[in-house]
Amino acid sequence: MSLTLANYSRPLRLLRILAGAASLAASQTQALIGASATVNLLPIWSCLGWGTLRVYAESDVAGTLNIFQKLRNETTFRQTDTDAVAAATALSTSYLITGEHLRIQYVNGGTIQARFSLIATLIP
């Protein structure tokens, strides 16, 4: 069965990164990141009821994608997943949501980017 919006009883929550800010969007964006720079998607609060985080990352420079989660009673985020993003290769992967709050971080490699895209989608 293919996964489409029609397969879900409630809408997907789609978040896009654009120069470090989260916004509702349905398309890919490009935002350049400096050498060795870190971009944090704003924390996603109240992930209860969402089971999977699907992330698409693409860059012309190698980097690292980090996923942080925290429970309601915790005061700090814990890193739960990390994936290398190879230069000029798209990474499309899914993560199990185990916490109530999420934070998505991308750490750029040693040179400035000419192309970058990071899209995160919550799926029930």
Protein backbone atom coordinates (compact mmCIF):
# COMPACT_ATOMS: atom_id res chain seq x y z
CA MET A 1 0.00 0.00 0.00
CA SER A 2 1.41 3.39 -0.90
CA LEU A 3 1.41 6.08 1.77
CA THR A 4 -0.57 9.16 0.81
CA LEU A 5 -2.35 11.84 2.79
CA ALA A 6 -5.62 10.02 2.08
CA ASN A 7 -4.40 6.99 4.10
CA TYR A 8 -4.40 8.92 7.40
CA SER A 9 -7.40 9.80 9.56
CA ARG A 10 -5.79 13.11 10.56
CA PRO A 11 -3.43 15.42 8.70
CA LEU A 12 0.31 15.00 8.83
CA ARG A 13 2.30 17.69 10.59
CA LEU A 14 4.99 18.86 8.18
CA LEU A 15 7.84 21.08 9.34
CA ARG A 16 10.43 22.71 7.13
CA ILE A 17 13.67 24.42 7.97
CA LEU A 18 14.34 27.81 6.46
CA ALA A 19 17.35 29.63 7.85
CA GLY A 20 16.81 28.02 11.26
CA ALA A 21 13.09 28.72 11.66
CA ALA A 22 10.24 26.21 11.59
CA SER A 23 7.20 26.86 9.45
CA LEU A 24 4.35 24.81 8.06
CA ALA A 25 5.13 23.95 4.48
CA ALA A 26 4.75 21.27 1.88
CA SER A 27 7.77 21.87 -0.31
CA GLN A 28 11.51 21.53 -0.17
CA THR A 29 13.61 24.62 0.59
CA GLN A 30 17.22 25.64 0.21
CA ALA A 31 19.03 27.49 2.98
CA LEU A 32 22.81 27.83 2.97
CA ILE A 33 24.74 26.98 6.14
CA GLY A 34 28.29 28.10 6.90
CA ALA A 35 31.25 25.82 7.44
CA SER A 36 30.90 23.71 10.60
CA ALA A 37 27.67 25.56 11.50
CA THR A 38 24.80 23.99 13.45
CA VAL A 39 21.12 24.50 12.67
CA ASN A 40 18.45 23.55 15.22
CA LEU A 41 14.87 23.14 14.16
CA LEU A 42 12.75 24.76 16.86
CA PRO A 43 11.57 22.17 19.42
CA ILE A 44 8.40 20.32 18.48
CA TRP A 45 6.16 20.33 21.53
CA SER A 46 3.44 17.80 22.20
CA CYS A 47 4.33 14.85 20.00
CA LEU A 48 1.82 12.66 21.83
CA GLY A 49 -0.17 10.63 19.33
CA TRP A 50 2.56 10.81 16.69
CA GLY A 51 4.50 7.56 16.30
CA THR A 52 7.09 8.27 13.63
CA LEU A 53 9.34 11.15 12.63
CA ARG A 54 10.30 11.01 8.96
CA VAL A 55 13.26 13.18 7.92
CA TYR A 56 14.63 14.07 4.51
CA ALA A 57 18.05 15.78 4.44
CA GLU A 58 20.16 16.70 1.44
CA SER A 59 23.30 18.79 1.09
CA ASP A 60 26.21 19.19 -1.26
CA VAL A 61 28.51 19.04 1.81
CA ALA A 62 28.69 16.09 4.22
CA GLY A 63 27.08 16.67 7.60
CA THR A 64 25.37 15.02 10.57
CA LEU A 65 21.69 14.80 11.44
CA ASN A 66 20.92 14.52 15.17
CA ILE A 67 17.56 13.75 16.76
CA PHE A 68 16.89 14.76 20.37
CA GLN A 69 13.87 13.77 22.48
CA LYS A 70 12.70 14.50 25.99
CA LEU A 71 9.92 13.33 28.23
CA ARG A 72 7.55 15.74 29.93
CA ASN A 73 9.31 15.44 33.31
CA GLU A 74 12.83 15.85 31.93
CA THR A 75 14.57 19.22 31.87
CA THR A 76 16.98 18.54 28.98
CA PHE A 77 16.81 16.84 25.60
CA ARG A 78 18.59 13.48 25.15
CA GLN A 79 20.19 12.59 21.83
CA THR A 80 18.36 9.48 20.64
CA ASP A 81 19.57 9.13 17.04
CA THR A 82 22.33 10.34 14.74
CA ASP A 83 22.92 9.78 11.03
CA ALA A 84 25.66 10.87 8.66
CA VAL A 85 24.51 12.75 5.56
CA ALA A 86 26.93 12.12 2.70
CA ALA A 87 27.83 14.94 0.32
CA ALA A 88 25.52 15.18 -2.70
CA THR A 89 23.43 12.26 -1.38
CA ALA A 90 19.93 12.52 0.04
CA LEU A 91 19.11 10.87 3.36
CA SER A 92 15.51 9.80 3.84
CA THR A 93 14.88 7.94 7.08
CA SER A 94 12.38 7.41 9.89
CA TYR A 95 12.73 7.51 13.67
CA LEU A 96 10.49 6.10 16.38
CA ILE A 97 9.09 8.84 18.60
CA THR A 98 9.60 7.82 22.22
CA GLY A 99 9.45 11.22 23.90
CA GLU A 100 6.90 13.98 24.11
CA HIS A 101 9.17 16.67 22.68
CA LEU A 102 11.52 16.57 19.66
CA ARG A 103 14.41 18.67 18.44
CA ILE A 104 16.10 18.14 15.08
CA GLN A 105 19.67 19.35 14.56
CA TYR A 106 21.86 19.44 11.47
CA VAL A 107 25.63 19.97 11.80
CA ASN A 108 27.32 21.05 8.58
CA GLY A 109 30.68 19.76 7.43
CA GLY A 110 33.85 21.82 7.09
CA THR A 111 32.90 23.91 4.03
CA ILE A 112 30.06 26.28 3.19
CA GLN A 113 27.08 24.77 1.40
CA ALA A 114 25.73 25.62 -2.02
CA ARG A 115 22.59 23.45 -1.55
CA PHE A 116 20.71 22.34 1.57
CA SER A 117 17.31 20.91 2.37
CA LEU A 118 15.86 19.55 5.60
CA ILE A 119 12.25 18.40 5.88
CA ALA A 120 10.71 16.71 8.94
CA THR A 121 7.26 15.11 8.98
CA LEU A 122 5.37 13.65 11.94
CA ILE A 123 3.25 10.59 11.14
CA PRO A 124 0.62 9.04 13.44
